[in-house]
Protein backbone atom coordinates (compact mmCIF):
# COMPACT_ATOMS: atom_id res chain seq x y z
CA UNK A 1 -5.10 17.70 14.04
CA UNK A 2 -2.66 17.54 11.13
CA UNK A 3 -1.08 14.23 10.28
CA UNK A 4 2.67 13.94 10.95
CA UNK A 5 4.70 13.60 7.74
CA UNK A 6 7.60 11.23 7.20
CA UNK A 7 10.74 13.43 7.03
CA UNK A 8 11.81 14.32 3.50
CA UNK A 9 15.44 14.12 4.72
CA UNK A 10 15.11 10.37 5.27
CA UNK A 11 15.23 7.84 2.43
CA UNK A 12 12.31 5.58 1.54
CA UNK A 13 12.40 1.92 2.62
CA UNK A 14 14.38 -0.58 0.56
CA UNK A 15 12.55 -2.56 -2.16
CA UNK A 16 14.16 -5.79 -0.94
CA UNK A 17 11.30 -7.68 0.76
CA UNK A 18 8.79 -4.90 -0.01
CA UNK A 19 5.29 -6.33 -0.48
CA UNK A 20 1.79 -4.87 -0.12
CA UNK A 21 -0.33 -7.47 1.69
CA UNK A 22 -4.01 -6.58 1.93
CA UNK A 23 -5.72 -8.22 4.90
CA UNK A 24 -8.25 -10.75 3.60
CA UNK A 25 -11.76 -9.36 4.01
CA UNK A 26 -13.71 -12.30 2.61
CA UNK A 27 -15.73 -15.03 4.25
CA UNK A 28 -15.84 -18.32 2.38
CA UNK A 29 -18.35 -21.03 3.25
CA UNK A 30 -17.77 -24.49 1.80
CA UNK A 31 -21.04 -26.24 0.92
CA UNK A 32 -21.81 -29.96 1.07
CA UNK A 33 -22.30 -29.94 -2.72
CA UNK A 34 -18.62 -29.01 -3.16
CA UNK A 35 -19.43 -25.44 -4.18
CA UNK A 36 -18.62 -22.47 -2.03
CA UNK A 37 -20.14 -19.09 -1.30
CA UNK A 38 -18.06 -15.99 -0.71
CA UNK A 39 -18.90 -12.55 0.53
CA UNK A 40 -17.04 -9.45 1.55
CA UNK A 41 -16.75 -9.06 5.31
CA UNK A 42 -15.72 -5.37 5.45
CA UNK A 43 -15.61 -2.54 2.91
CA UNK A 44 -12.19 -1.32 4.10
CA UNK A 45 -9.35 -3.35 5.56
CA UNK A 46 -5.72 -2.39 6.25
CA UNK A 47 -2.79 -3.37 4.07
CA UNK A 48 0.35 -4.67 5.76
CA UNK A 49 3.78 -3.74 4.51
CA UNK A 50 7.11 -5.25 5.63
CA UNK A 51 9.76 -2.54 5.36
CA UNK A 52 13.52 -2.27 5.74
CA UNK A 53 15.78 0.79 5.82
CA UNK A 54 19.56 0.93 5.38
CA UNK A 55 20.74 4.24 6.79
CA UNK A 56 24.01 6.00 7.44
CA UNK A 57 24.69 6.70 11.12
CA UNK A 58 23.55 10.35 10.78
CA UNK A 59 20.27 9.38 9.04
CA UNK A 60 19.77 6.52 11.53
CA UNK A 61 19.98 8.97 14.44
CA UNK A 62 17.35 11.20 12.78
CA UNK A 63 15.15 8.15 12.08
CA UNK A 64 15.35 7.04 15.72
CA UNK A 65 14.49 10.56 16.90
CA UNK A 66 11.51 10.73 14.50
CA UNK A 67 10.16 7.37 15.68
CA UNK A 68 10.70 8.17 19.36
CA UNK A 69 9.60 11.79 19.55
CA UNK A 70 7.35 12.60 16.58
CA UNK A 71 5.54 9.23 16.55
CA UNK A 72 5.32 8.81 20.34
CA UNK A 73 7.59 5.76 20.30
CA UNK A 74 6.09 4.32 17.06
CA UNK A 75 2.45 4.64 18.19
CA UNK A 76 1.08 7.56 16.13
CA UNK A 77 -0.30 7.51 12.59
CA UNK A 78 1.69 9.45 10.02
CA UNK A 79 1.72 10.20 6.30
CA UNK A 80 4.34 8.68 4.02
CA UNK A 81 4.66 7.93 0.34
CA UNK A 82 4.04 4.29 -0.55
CA UNK A 83 5.16 2.66 -3.78
CA UNK A 84 2.10 1.28 -5.60
CA UNK A 85 1.41 0.37 -9.25
CA UNK A 86 0.21 4.00 -9.59
CA UNK A 87 3.56 5.35 -8.38
CA UNK A 88 4.51 6.97 -5.07
CA UNK A 89 1.30 8.00 -3.29
CA UNK A 90 0.97 9.45 0.24
CA UNK A 91 -0.90 7.10 2.61
CA UNK A 92 -1.89 7.20 6.28
CA UNK A 93 0.13 4.53 8.09
CA UNK A 94 1.61 3.39 11.40
CA UNK A 95 4.00 0.79 12.73
CA UNK A 96 2.75 -2.67 13.72
CA UNK A 97 6.15 -3.70 15.07
CA UNK A 98 8.57 -1.22 16.60
CA UNK A 99 11.39 -0.41 14.12
CA UNK A 100 13.91 0.16 16.91
CA UNK A 101 13.41 -3.36 18.25
CA UNK A 102 15.02 -4.80 15.11
CA UNK A 103 18.03 -2.67 14.18
CA UNK A 104 21.56 -3.84 13.48
CA UNK A 105 24.81 -2.46 12.15
CA UNK A 106 25.81 -3.67 8.67
CA UNK A 107 29.07 -1.73 8.73
CA UNK A 108 30.60 0.78 11.18
CA UNK A 109 28.47 3.64 9.79
CA UNK A 110 25.52 1.75 8.18
CA UNK A 111 22.47 0.64 10.16
CA UNK A 112 19.53 -1.52 9.10
CA UNK A 113 16.02 -1.21 10.57
CA UNK A 114 13.13 -3.60 9.92
CA UNK A 115 9.46 -3.34 10.83
CA UNK A 116 5.95 -4.22 9.76
CA UNK A 117 3.61 -1.35 8.99
CA UNK A 118 -0.07 -0.99 8.27
CA UNK A 119 -1.66 1.28 5.71
CA UNK A 120 -5.06 2.40 6.93
CA UNK A 121 -6.74 2.45 3.52
CA UNK A 122 -4.67 1.65 0.44
CA UNK A 123 -5.48 3.96 -2.46
CA UNK A 124 -6.55 2.22 -5.69
CA UNK A 125 -8.05 3.59 -8.88
CA UNK A 126 -11.65 4.76 -8.69
CA UNK A 127 -14.29 2.96 -10.74
CA UNK A 128 -14.24 5.78 -13.29
CA UNK A 129 -10.43 5.67 -13.59
CA UNK A 130 -10.55 1.88 -14.02
CA UNK A 131 -13.12 2.11 -16.82
CA UNK A 132 -11.14 4.90 -18.51
CA UNK A 133 -8.00 2.74 -18.32
CA UNK A 134 -9.81 -0.25 -19.82
CA UNK A 135 -11.22 1.84 -22.67
CA UNK A 136 -7.95 3.66 -23.36
CA UNK A 137 -7.26 4.86 -26.04
CA UNK A 138 -11.00 4.80 -26.91
CA UNK A 139 -13.53 7.21 -25.49
CA UNK A 140 -16.78 5.82 -24.11
CA UNK A 141 -18.57 6.98 -27.29
CA UNK A 142 -16.05 5.18 -29.53
CA UNK A 143 -16.40 2.04 -27.42
CA UNK A 144 -20.24 2.23 -27.58
CA UNK A 145 -20.18 2.67 -31.36
CA UNK A 146 -17.80 -0.28 -31.66
CA UNK A 147 -20.09 -2.50 -29.57
CA UNK A 148 -23.15 -1.36 -31.56
CA UNK A 149 -21.34 -2.08 -34.83
CA UNK A 150 -20.25 -5.53 -33.58
CA UNK A 151 -23.83 -6.39 -32.53
CA UNK A 152 -25.29 -5.10 -35.84
CA UNK A 153 -22.80 -7.05 -37.93
CA UNK A 154 -23.02 -10.27 -35.90
CA UNK A 155 -24.23 -13.20 -38.01
CA UNK A 156 -25.57 -16.41 -36.63
C-alpha cells in the first residue's frame, strides 16, 4: 500500500519551536567505582518533532480535511518533508497528539495548529557519506598518502 503524501498545497510547519528530538536508546549503568557503562538498547528509535502551522482559513479547512479523511483522524502514517541538516528530506511520520485538539484563531482568517509528531526512522548520512564528508576535499588515496607521509616523517 502506498504511503499517503502530505499535500503540496499546504505549507510546511513553522520553524518557531521546531526541534528534532531523538528518543534516547541507551542504557547507562552507574558502577560502584564511579565509572559507568553504556550500551545501545535498540538499533532504530523514533524521533519526536513538535510542530506548529499558521494557516489561512482556506488552507486550515484543507488541513483539517486531510487530517480527518486522508489520515483517518490523525492515525495513519504519511510521508512529509522534514527539515534536517541535510535539507528537506521525505520521512515516514505520524501524529502523536491530534493537531485538531490544539487549534486557535490568531486573527479572523488565520488559524494556528500545534501537535507532536514522530518520525519512524530519521534519515542521517550513511557511513560512506560521513567518511567522504570528513575527507572532503581529499580523496581516500590523498588522505592515505598524507597519513603515510606523516608517519614516515615523524621524529621522536
